[in-house]
């Protein structure tokens, strides 16, 4: 197949419920980014590749059991019909499934750096295993729980990926300091008023001192990661450069606009609050 010349990052979704889209992907920063042409959502109905008059896409499980299984022949025809023409490294085909490796920020970054992604959304009891073997389909999981279908998982994956595409977020620093960007959970965030119900913003954040603020944020990120995600902490410690030095609280006595941002509101991050 000839590779496409359009370079717009594309999320191609194969689903039995196309009416669920764009859903939340049509709103806020992600929706506005699509309107601006920074990415494209292409939703296809799996039933369009059914061959009988009833548009059948599933059948009973071989060996018996409850529910229905998506047929390999129908799903394969759909994947072949929408093939991107790019290798899997640039445009993978993903199947949301609790059996797959857990989706993480590193995987999302790789997706955002590629050409696009095709997501096959399962329903019923899942997908005929032969499709996974016969096509280059990668299973991916959002976590150790089961949903009724892959559509919501697909939306979450697309949202996480699209926000990393250049110019989608108004503030590029949002993706640098957030959770997982450095292997740590994100530090706590505060904004005005300076005091609320007897709770005050930590004084260091109002000091205007870049070095002390950076050191406090790093310290809090490490503390939260150790307390809440020991698995991430172990991986972070194992991968940290032994010769690296941490931020010096005494740092340069350089004034910043941190005190203004905290007391009077700061730049927009993801406007989903």
C-alpha atoms as a PDB file:
ATOM      1  CA  UNK A   1       0.000   0.000   0.000  1.00  0.00           C
ATOM      2  CA  UNK A   2       1.196   3.529  -0.789  1.00  0.00           C
ATOM      3  CA  UNK A   3       1.921   5.578   2.278  1.00  0.00           C
ATOM      4  CA  UNK A   4      -0.288   8.651   2.761  1.00  0.00           C
ATOM      5  CA  UNK A   5       1.206  12.091   2.255  1.00  0.00           C
ATOM      6  CA  UNK A   6      -0.948  13.819   4.915  1.00  0.00           C
ATOM      7  CA  UNK A   7       1.091  14.240   8.096  1.00  0.00           C
ATOM      8  CA  UNK A   8      -1.789  15.014  10.471  1.00  0.00           C
ATOM      9  CA  UNK A   9      -1.713  12.665  13.464  1.00  0.00           C
ATOM     10  CA  UNK A  10      -4.824  10.477  13.207  1.00  0.00           C
ATOM     11  CA  UNK A  11      -6.759   8.345  15.671  1.00  0.00           C
ATOM     12  CA  UNK A  12      -8.705   5.734  13.694  1.00  0.00           C
ATOM     13  CA  UNK A  13     -11.340   3.880  15.728  1.00  0.00           C
ATOM     14  CA  UNK A  14     -13.161   0.695  14.713  1.00  0.00           C
ATOM     15  CA  UNK A  15     -16.260   0.264  16.840  1.00  0.00           C
ATOM     16  CA  UNK A  16     -19.793  -1.123  16.922  1.00  0.00           C
ATOM     17  CA  UNK A  17     -20.934   2.112  18.574  1.00  0.00           C
ATOM     18  CA  UNK A  18     -19.675   4.991  16.401  1.00  0.00           C
ATOM     19  CA  UNK A  19     -22.320   7.253  17.905  1.00  0.00           C
ATOM     20  CA  UNK A  20     -20.276   7.322  21.133  1.00  0.00           C
ATOM     21  CA  UNK A  21     -17.680   9.497  19.385  1.00  0.00           C
ATOM     22  CA  UNK A  22     -16.340  12.121  19.615  1.00  0.00           C
ATOM     23  CA  UNK A  23     -17.834  12.296  23.113  1.00  0.00           C
ATOM     24  CA  UNK A  24     -15.390  14.126  25.415  1.00  0.00           C
ATOM     25  CA  UNK A  25     -12.839  14.255  22.594  1.00  0.00           C
ATOM     26  CA  UNK A  26     -14.982  16.935  20.962  1.00  0.00           C
ATOM     27  CA  UNK A  27     -14.634  19.343  23.874  1.00  0.00           C
ATOM     28  CA  UNK A  28     -12.061  21.514  25.627  1.00  0.00           C
ATOM     29  CA  UNK A  29      -8.454  21.572  24.437  1.00  0.00           C
ATOM     30  CA  UNK A  30      -8.665  18.256  22.582  1.00  0.00           C
ATOM     31  CA  UNK A  31     -11.770  19.264  20.643  1.00  0.00           C
ATOM     32  CA  UNK A  32     -10.387  22.676  19.764  1.00  0.00           C
ATOM     33  CA  UNK A  33      -7.145  21.070  18.617  1.00  0.00           C
ATOM     34  CA  UNK A  34      -9.054  18.910  16.147  1.00  0.00           C
ATOM     35  CA  UNK A  35     -10.914  21.953  14.869  1.00  0.00           C
ATOM     36  CA  UNK A  36      -7.537  23.596  14.289  1.00  0.00           C
ATOM     37  CA  UNK A  37      -6.353  20.577  12.316  1.00  0.00           C
ATOM     38  CA  UNK A  38      -3.692  19.491  14.817  1.00  0.00           C
ATOM     39  CA  UNK A  39      -5.073  15.946  14.850  1.00  0.00           C
ATOM     40  CA  UNK A  40      -7.865  13.964  13.205  1.00  0.00           C
ATOM     41  CA  UNK A  41     -10.484  11.531  14.550  1.00  0.00           C
ATOM     42  CA  UNK A  42     -11.635   8.894  12.052  1.00  0.00           C
ATOM     43  CA  UNK A  43     -14.404   6.624  13.403  1.00  0.00           C
ATOM     44  CA  UNK A  44     -15.594   3.575  11.437  1.00  0.00           C
ATOM     45  CA  UNK A  45     -18.476   1.182  12.087  1.00  0.00           C
ATOM     46  CA  UNK A  46     -17.342  -2.459  12.268  1.00  0.00           C
ATOM     47  CA  UNK A  47     -20.686  -3.583  10.853  1.00  0.00           C
ATOM     48  CA  UNK A  48     -19.760  -1.995   7.525  1.00  0.00           C
ATOM     49  CA  UNK A  49     -17.524  -5.041   6.950  1.00  0.00           C
ATOM     50  CA  UNK A  50     -20.172  -7.646   7.790  1.00  0.00           C
ATOM     51  CA  UNK A  51     -21.170  -9.786   4.789  1.00  0.00           C
ATOM     52  CA  UNK A  52     -24.709 -10.923   5.591  1.00  0.00           C
ATOM     53  CA  UNK A  53     -27.951  -9.000   5.473  1.00  0.00           C
ATOM     54  CA  UNK A  54     -28.166  -8.905   9.271  1.00  0.00           C
ATOM     55  CA  UNK A  55     -24.687  -7.302   9.461  1.00  0.00           C
ATOM     56  CA  UNK A  56     -23.515  -9.985  11.886  1.00  0.00           C
ATOM     57  CA  UNK A  57     -20.155  -9.358  13.533  1.00  0.00           C
ATOM     58  CA  UNK A  58     -20.126 -11.949  16.337  1.00  0.00           C
ATOM     59  CA  UNK A  59     -20.863 -15.583  17.118  1.00  0.00           C
ATOM     60  CA  UNK A  60     -21.010 -17.959  20.100  1.00  0.00           C
ATOM     61  CA  UNK A  61     -17.742 -18.965  21.832  1.00  0.00           C
ATOM     62  CA  UNK A  62     -16.126 -22.150  20.562  1.00  0.00           C
ATOM     63  CA  UNK A  63     -16.344 -24.743  23.318  1.00  0.00           C
ATOM     64  CA  UNK A  64     -19.390 -23.090  24.843  1.00  0.00           C
ATOM     65  CA  UNK A  65     -19.795 -20.349  27.379  1.00  0.00           C
ATOM     66  CA  UNK A  66     -21.664 -17.113  27.943  1.00  0.00           C
ATOM     67  CA  UNK A  67     -21.706 -14.114  25.646  1.00  0.00           C
ATOM     68  CA  UNK A  68     -20.586 -13.586  22.083  1.00  0.00           C
ATOM     69  CA  UNK A  69     -17.181 -13.254  20.418  1.00  0.00           C
ATOM     70  CA  UNK A  70     -16.253 -10.791  17.661  1.00  0.00           C
ATOM     71  CA  UNK A  71     -15.473 -12.705  14.471  1.00  0.00           C
ATOM     72  CA  UNK A  72     -11.924 -12.704  13.127  1.00  0.00           C
ATOM     73  CA  UNK A  73     -12.988 -12.504   9.485  1.00  0.00           C
ATOM     74  CA  UNK A  74     -15.083  -9.369   9.987  1.00  0.00           C
ATOM     75  CA  UNK A  75     -12.498  -7.621  12.177  1.00  0.00           C
ATOM     76  CA  UNK A  76      -9.683  -8.541   9.765  1.00  0.00           C
ATOM     77  CA  UNK A  77     -11.620  -7.148   6.799  1.00  0.00           C
ATOM     78  CA  UNK A  78     -12.092  -3.902   8.742  1.00  0.00           C
ATOM     79  CA  UNK A  79      -8.406  -3.628   9.657  1.00  0.00           C
ATOM     80  CA  UNK A  80      -7.352  -4.388   6.103  1.00  0.00           C
ATOM     81  CA  UNK A  81      -9.823  -1.843   4.798  1.00  0.00           C
ATOM     82  CA  UNK A  82      -8.459   0.997   6.908  1.00  0.00           C
ATOM     83  CA  UNK A  83      -4.758   0.057   6.922  1.00  0.00           C
ATOM     84  CA  UNK A  84      -2.622   3.168   7.260  1.00  0.00           C
ATOM     85  CA  UNK A  85       0.233   2.054   5.036  1.00  0.00           C
ATOM     86  CA  UNK A  86       2.747   2.841   7.786  1.00  0.00           C
ATOM     87  CA  UNK A  87       4.729   0.255   9.759  1.00  0.00           C
ATOM     88  CA  UNK A  88       3.488  -0.679  13.210  1.00  0.00           C
ATOM     89  CA  UNK A  89       6.237   1.360  14.854  1.00  0.00           C
ATOM     90  CA  UNK A  90       4.770   4.523  13.313  1.00  0.00           C
ATOM     91  CA  UNK A  91       1.081   3.584  13.310  1.00  0.00           C
ATOM     92  CA  UNK A  92       0.230   0.655  15.621  1.00  0.00           C
ATOM     93  CA  UNK A  93      -3.054  -1.208  15.814  1.00  0.00           C
ATOM     94  CA  UNK A  94      -4.196  -1.397  19.440  1.00  0.00           C
ATOM     95  CA  UNK A  95      -6.854  -3.530  21.079  1.00  0.00           C
ATOM     96  CA  UNK A  96      -7.922  -2.373  24.578  1.00  0.00           C
ATOM     97  CA  UNK A  97      -7.890  -5.507  26.736  1.00  0.00           C
ATOM     98  CA  UNK A  98      -7.218  -6.296  30.414  1.00  0.00           C
ATOM     99  CA  UNK A  99      -4.720  -8.920  29.185  1.00  0.00           C
ATOM    100  CA  UNK A 100      -2.396  -6.364  27.631  1.00  0.00           C
ATOM    101  CA  UNK A 101       0.541  -4.465  29.122  1.00  0.00           C
ATOM    102  CA  UNK A 102      -0.620  -1.500  31.155  1.00  0.00           C
ATOM    103  CA  UNK A 103      -0.623   1.781  29.255  1.00  0.00           C
ATOM    104  CA  UNK A 104       1.884   4.252  30.682  1.00  0.00           C
ATOM    105  CA  UNK A 105       3.192   7.709  29.888  1.00  0.00           C
ATOM    106  CA  UNK A 106       6.221   6.368  28.045  1.00  0.00           C
ATOM    107  CA  UNK A 107       3.960   4.430  25.656  1.00  0.00           C
ATOM    108  CA  UNK A 108       1.745   7.459  25.193  1.00  0.00           C
ATOM    109  CA  UNK A 109       4.746   9.599  24.298  1.00  0.00           C
ATOM    110  CA  UNK A 110       5.781   7.085  21.649  1.00  0.00           C
ATOM    111  CA  UNK A 111       2.274   7.117  20.198  1.00  0.00           C
ATOM    112  CA  UNK A 112       2.257  10.919  20.053  1.00  0.00           C
ATOM    113  CA  UNK A 113       5.599  10.870  18.225  1.00  0.00           C
ATOM    114  CA  UNK A 114       4.218   8.539  15.545  1.00  0.00           C
ATOM    115  CA  UNK A 115       1.882   9.047  12.608  1.00  0.00           C
ATOM    116  CA  UNK A 116      -1.289   7.821  14.262  1.00  0.00           C
ATOM    117  CA  UNK A 117      -3.016   4.844  15.844  1.00  0.00           C
ATOM    118  CA  UNK A 118      -5.828   2.455  14.943  1.00  0.00           C
ATOM    119  CA  UNK A 119      -7.890   1.236  17.888  1.00  0.00           C
ATOM    120  CA  UNK A 120     -10.108  -1.822  17.581  1.00  0.00           C
ATOM    121  CA  UNK A 121     -12.810  -1.624  20.244  1.00  0.00           C
ATOM    122  CA  UNK A 122     -14.016  -4.947  21.569  1.00  0.00           C
ATOM    123  CA  UNK A 123     -17.501  -5.804  22.824  1.00  0.00           C
ATOM    124  CA  UNK A 124     -19.259  -8.864  24.201  1.00  0.00           C
ATOM    125  CA  UNK A 125     -16.787 -11.583  25.316  1.00  0.00           C
ATOM    126  CA  UNK A 126     -13.930 -10.122  23.308  1.00  0.00           C
ATOM    127  CA  UNK A 127     -12.199 -10.898  20.052  1.00  0.00           C
ATOM    128  CA  UNK A 128     -11.349 -14.129  18.255  1.00  0.00           C
ATOM    129  CA  UNK A 129      -7.744 -14.870  19.235  1.00  0.00           C
ATOM    130  CA  UNK A 130      -6.827 -15.702  15.660  1.00  0.00           C
ATOM    131  CA  UNK A 131      -7.122 -12.060  14.667  1.00  0.00           C
ATOM    132  CA  UNK A 132      -4.440 -11.118  17.206  1.00  0.00           C
ATOM    133  CA  UNK A 133      -2.213 -13.831  15.742  1.00  0.00           C
ATOM    134  CA  UNK A 134      -3.020 -13.130  12.097  1.00  0.00           C
ATOM    135  CA  UNK A 135      -2.650  -9.359  12.215  1.00  0.00           C
ATOM    136  CA  UNK A 136      -0.113  -7.177  14.010  1.00  0.00           C
ATOM    137  CA  UNK A 137      -2.495  -6.191  16.819  1.00  0.00           C
ATOM    138  CA  UNK A 138      -1.133  -5.026  20.177  1.00  0.00           C
ATOM    139  CA  UNK A 139      -3.233  -5.518  23.291  1.00  0.00           C
ATOM    140  CA  UNK A 140      -3.090  -2.668  25.813  1.00  0.00           C
ATOM    141  CA  UNK A 141      -4.717  -2.270  29.224  1.00  0.00           C
ATOM    142  CA  UNK A 142      -5.796   0.765  31.232  1.00  0.00           C
ATOM    143  CA  UNK A 143      -5.645  -1.212  34.461  1.00  0.00           C
ATOM    144  CA  UNK A 144      -6.771  -4.289  36.326  1.00  0.00           C
ATOM    145  CA  UNK A 145     -10.497  -3.910  35.754  1.00  0.00           C
ATOM    146  CA  UNK A 146     -13.039  -4.896  33.095  1.00  0.00           C
ATOM    147  CA  UNK A 147     -15.307  -2.581  31.084  1.00  0.00           C
ATOM    148  CA  UNK A 148     -18.258  -3.343  28.823  1.00  0.00           C
ATOM    149  CA  UNK A 149     -16.335  -2.325  25.723  1.00  0.00           C
ATOM    150  CA  UNK A 150     -13.215  -0.647  24.418  1.00  0.00           C
ATOM    151  CA  UNK A 151     -14.710   2.721  23.474  1.00  0.00           C
ATOM    152  CA  UNK A 152     -14.119   4.558  26.753  1.00  0.00           C
ATOM    153  CA  UNK A 153     -10.623   3.089  26.952  1.00  0.00           C
ATOM    154  CA  UNK A 154     -10.005   4.320  23.402  1.00  0.00           C
ATOM    155  CA  UNK A 155     -11.104   7.828  24.353  1.00  0.00           C
ATOM    156  CA  UNK A 156      -8.792   7.853  27.361  1.00  0.00           C
ATOM    157  CA  UNK A 157      -5.867   6.659  25.250  1.00  0.00           C
ATOM    158  CA  UNK A 158      -6.543   9.244  22.542  1.00  0.00           C
ATOM    159  CA  UNK A 159      -6.889  12.087  25.051  1.00  0.00           C
ATOM    160  CA  UNK A 160      -3.624  11.149  26.779  1.00  0.00           C
ATOM    161  CA  UNK A 161      -1.822  11.015  23.430  1.00  0.00           C
ATOM    162  CA  UNK A 162      -3.248  14.057  21.664  1.00  0.00           C
ATOM    163  CA  UNK A 163      -2.390  16.400  24.534  1.00  0.00           C
ATOM    164  CA  UNK A 164       1.290  15.637  23.873  1.00  0.00           C
ATOM    165  CA  UNK A 165       1.097  16.693  20.225  1.00  0.00           C
ATOM    166  CA  UNK A 166       2.834  20.050  19.686  1.00  0.00           C
ATOM    167  CA  UNK A 167       0.594  23.138  19.998  1.00  0.00           C
ATOM    168  CA  UNK A 168      -2.356  21.220  21.500  1.00  0.00           C
ATOM    169  CA  UNK A 169      -1.660  22.547  25.001  1.00  0.00           C
ATOM    170  CA  UNK A 170      -1.261  26.260  25.459  1.00  0.00           C
ATOM    171  CA  UNK A 171       1.517  25.818  28.024  1.00  0.00           C
ATOM    172  CA  UNK A 172       4.234  23.360  26.998  1.00  0.00           C
ATOM    173  CA  UNK A 173       5.564  23.257  30.566  1.00  0.00           C
ATOM    174  CA  UNK A 174       2.358  21.450  31.542  1.00  0.00           C
ATOM    175  CA  UNK A 175       3.726  18.238  30.052  1.00  0.00           C
ATOM    176  CA  UNK A 176       7.194  18.680  31.551  1.00  0.00           C
ATOM    177  CA  UNK A 177       6.284  18.930  35.232  1.00  0.00           C
ATOM    178  CA  UNK A 178       3.251  16.629  35.409  1.00  0.00           C
ATOM    179  CA  UNK A 179       3.076  13.117  36.831  1.00  0.00           C
ATOM    180  CA  UNK A 180       5.260  10.479  35.109  1.00  0.00           C
ATOM    181  CA  UNK A 181       7.095  13.018  32.925  1.00  0.00           C
ATOM    182  CA  UNK A 182      10.235  12.541  35.049  1.00  0.00           C
ATOM    183  CA  UNK A 183       9.355   9.155  36.529  1.00  0.00           C
ATOM    184  CA  UNK A 184       7.761  10.764  39.598  1.00  0.00           C
ATOM    185  CA  UNK A 185       4.232  11.744  40.533  1.00  0.00           C
ATOM    186  CA  UNK A 186       3.499  15.441  40.224  1.00  0.00           C
ATOM    187  CA  UNK A 187       4.003  17.758  43.173  1.00  0.00           C
ATOM    188  CA  UNK A 188       0.926  19.376  44.839  1.00  0.00           C
ATOM    189  CA  UNK A 189      -0.599  22.394  43.116  1.00  0.00           C
ATOM    190  CA  UNK A 190      -2.116  25.513  44.712  1.00  0.00           C
ATOM    191  CA  UNK A 191      -3.781  28.713  43.539  1.00  0.00           C
ATOM    192  CA  UNK A 192      -5.679  31.645  45.073  1.00  0.00           C
ATOM    193  CA  UNK A 193      -6.943  32.432  47.625  1.00  0.00           C
ATOM    194  CA  UNK A 194      -3.733  32.267  49.671  1.00  0.00           C
ATOM    195  CA  UNK A 195      -5.747  30.931  52.626  1.00  0.00           C
ATOM    196  CA  UNK A 196      -8.835  28.727  52.472  1.00  0.00           C
ATOM    197  CA  UNK A 197     -10.653  27.275  55.514  1.00  0.00           C
ATOM    198  CA  UNK A 198      -7.574  27.806  57.624  1.00  0.00           C
ATOM    199  CA  UNK A 199      -5.256  26.100  55.126  1.00  0.00           C
ATOM    200  CA  UNK A 200      -2.514  28.230  53.618  1.00  0.00           C
ATOM    201  CA  UNK A 201      -0.414  27.901  50.493  1.00  0.00           C
ATOM    202  CA  UNK A 202       3.102  26.810  51.520  1.00  0.00           C
ATOM    203  CA  UNK A 203       5.148  29.962  52.048  1.00  0.00           C
ATOM    204  CA  UNK A 204       7.947  28.771  49.784  1.00  0.00           C
ATOM    205  CA  UNK A 205       5.592  28.963  46.774  1.00  0.00           C
ATOM    206  CA  UNK A 206       4.935  32.627  47.540  1.00  0.00           C
ATOM    207  CA  UNK A 207       8.613  33.484  48.028  1.00  0.00           C
ATOM    208  CA  UNK A 208       9.428  34.169  44.386  1.00  0.00           C
ATOM    209  CA  UNK A 209      12.666  32.165  44.794  1.00  0.00           C
ATOM    210  CA  UNK A 210      13.173  29.840  41.829  1.00  0.00           C
ATOM    211  CA  UNK A 211      15.666  27.556  43.532  1.00  0.00           C
ATOM    212  CA  UNK A 212      13.646  27.010  46.699  1.00  0.00           C
ATOM    213  CA  UNK A 213      10.440  26.476  44.758  1.00  0.00           C
ATOM    214  CA  UNK A 214      12.090  23.898  42.486  1.00  0.00           C
ATOM    215  CA  UNK A 215      13.611  22.096  45.465  1.00  0.00           C
ATOM    216  CA  UNK A 216      10.274  22.013  47.314  1.00  0.00           C
ATOM    217  CA  UNK A 217       8.447  20.653  44.264  1.00  0.00           C
ATOM    218  CA  UNK A 218      11.069  17.986  43.701  1.00  0.00           C
ATOM    219  CA  UNK A 219      10.970  16.986  47.362  1.00  0.00           C
ATOM    220  CA  UNK A 220       7.179  16.754  47.362  1.00  0.00           C
ATOM    221  CA  UNK A 221       7.171  14.758  44.123  1.00  0.00           C
ATOM    222  CA  UNK A 222       9.610  12.278  45.650  1.00  0.00           C
ATOM    223  CA  UNK A 223       7.639  12.064  48.893  1.00  0.00           C
ATOM    224  CA  UNK A 224       4.327  11.422  47.127  1.00  0.00           C
ATOM    225  CA  UNK A 225       5.867   8.836  44.816  1.00  0.00           C
ATOM    226  CA  UNK A 226       7.467   6.928  47.698  1.00  0.00           C
ATOM    227  CA  UNK A 227       4.213   6.990  49.687  1.00  0.00           C
ATOM    228  CA  UNK A 228       1.695   6.251  46.951  1.00  0.00           C
ATOM    229  CA  UNK A 229       3.551   4.409  44.190  1.00  0.00           C
ATOM    230  CA  UNK A 230       6.490   2.442  45.596  1.00  0.00           C
ATOM    231  CA  UNK A 231       6.730   0.607  42.274  1.00  0.00           C
ATOM    232  CA  UNK A 232       7.397   3.882  40.463  1.00  0.00           C
ATOM    233  CA  UNK A 233       9.822   4.969  43.168  1.00  0.00           C
ATOM    234  CA  UNK A 234      11.867   1.788  42.850  1.00  0.00           C
ATOM    235  CA  UNK A 235      12.028   2.215  39.072  1.00  0.00           C
ATOM    236  CA  UNK A 236      12.985   5.866  39.446  1.00  0.00           C
ATOM    237  CA  UNK A 237      15.774   5.149  41.922  1.00  0.00           C
ATOM    238  CA  UNK A 238      17.092   2.305  39.767  1.00  0.00           C
ATOM    239  CA  UNK A 239      17.239   4.549  36.701  1.00  0.00           C
ATOM    240  CA  UNK A 240      18.515   7.759  38.308  1.00  0.00           C
ATOM    241  CA  UNK A 241      21.988   8.942  37.368  1.00  0.00           C
ATOM    242  CA  UNK A 242      24.227   8.251  40.403  1.00  0.00           C
ATOM    243  CA  UNK A 243      26.182  11.408  39.650  1.00  0.00           C
ATOM    244  CA  UNK A 244      23.132  13.647  39.345  1.00  0.00           C
ATOM    245  CA  UNK A 245      22.706  16.420  41.881  1.00  0.00           C
ATOM    246  CA  UNK A 246      19.381  17.547  43.259  1.00  0.00           C
ATOM    247  CA  UNK A 247      18.108  21.096  43.354  1.00  0.00           C
ATOM    248  CA  UNK A 248      19.759  23.323  45.946  1.00  0.00           C
ATOM    249  CA  UNK A 249      17.156  25.087  48.118  1.00  0.00           C
ATOM    250  CA  UNK A 250      19.593  27.956  48.450  1.00  0.00           C
ATOM    251  CA  UNK A 251      19.883  28.181  44.613  1.00  0.00           C
ATOM    252  CA  UNK A 252      20.081  31.490  42.878  1.00  0.00           C
ATOM    253  CA  UNK A 253      18.224  34.285  44.615  1.00  0.00           C
ATOM    254  CA  UNK A 254      16.260  34.929  41.463  1.00  0.00           C
ATOM    255  CA  UNK A 255      12.763  36.310  41.756  1.00  0.00           C
ATOM    256  CA  UNK A 256      10.028  34.670  39.732  1.00  0.00           C
ATOM    257  CA  UNK A 257       6.361  35.296  39.137  1.00  0.00           C
ATOM    258  CA  UNK A 258       5.451  32.300  41.311  1.00  0.00           C
ATOM    259  CA  UNK A 259       4.050  34.501  44.051  1.00  0.00           C
ATOM    260  CA  UNK A 260       1.927  36.367  41.525  1.00  0.00           C
ATOM    261  CA  UNK A 261       0.738  33.161  39.873  1.00  0.00           C
ATOM    262  CA  UNK A 262      -0.217  31.527  43.146  1.00  0.00           C
ATOM    263  CA  UNK A 263      -1.946  34.552  44.597  1.00  0.00           C
ATOM    264  CA  UNK A 264      -3.660  35.868  41.488  1.00  0.00           C
ATOM    265  CA  UNK A 265      -4.129  32.830  39.230  1.00  0.00           C
ATOM    266  CA  UNK A 266      -1.671  31.364  36.746  1.00  0.00           C
ATOM    267  CA  UNK A 267      -1.435  30.281  33.110  1.00  0.00           C
ATOM    268  CA  UNK A 268      -3.928  27.763  31.835  1.00  0.00           C
ATOM    269  CA  UNK A 269      -2.826  24.127  31.974  1.00  0.00           C
ATOM    270  CA  UNK A 270      -5.427  21.568  30.853  1.00  0.00           C
ATOM    271  CA  UNK A 271      -8.753  23.388  31.191  1.00  0.00           C
ATOM    272  CA  UNK A 272     -10.579  20.365  32.608  1.00  0.00           C
ATOM    273  CA  UNK A 273     -10.857  21.502  36.190  1.00  0.00           C
END
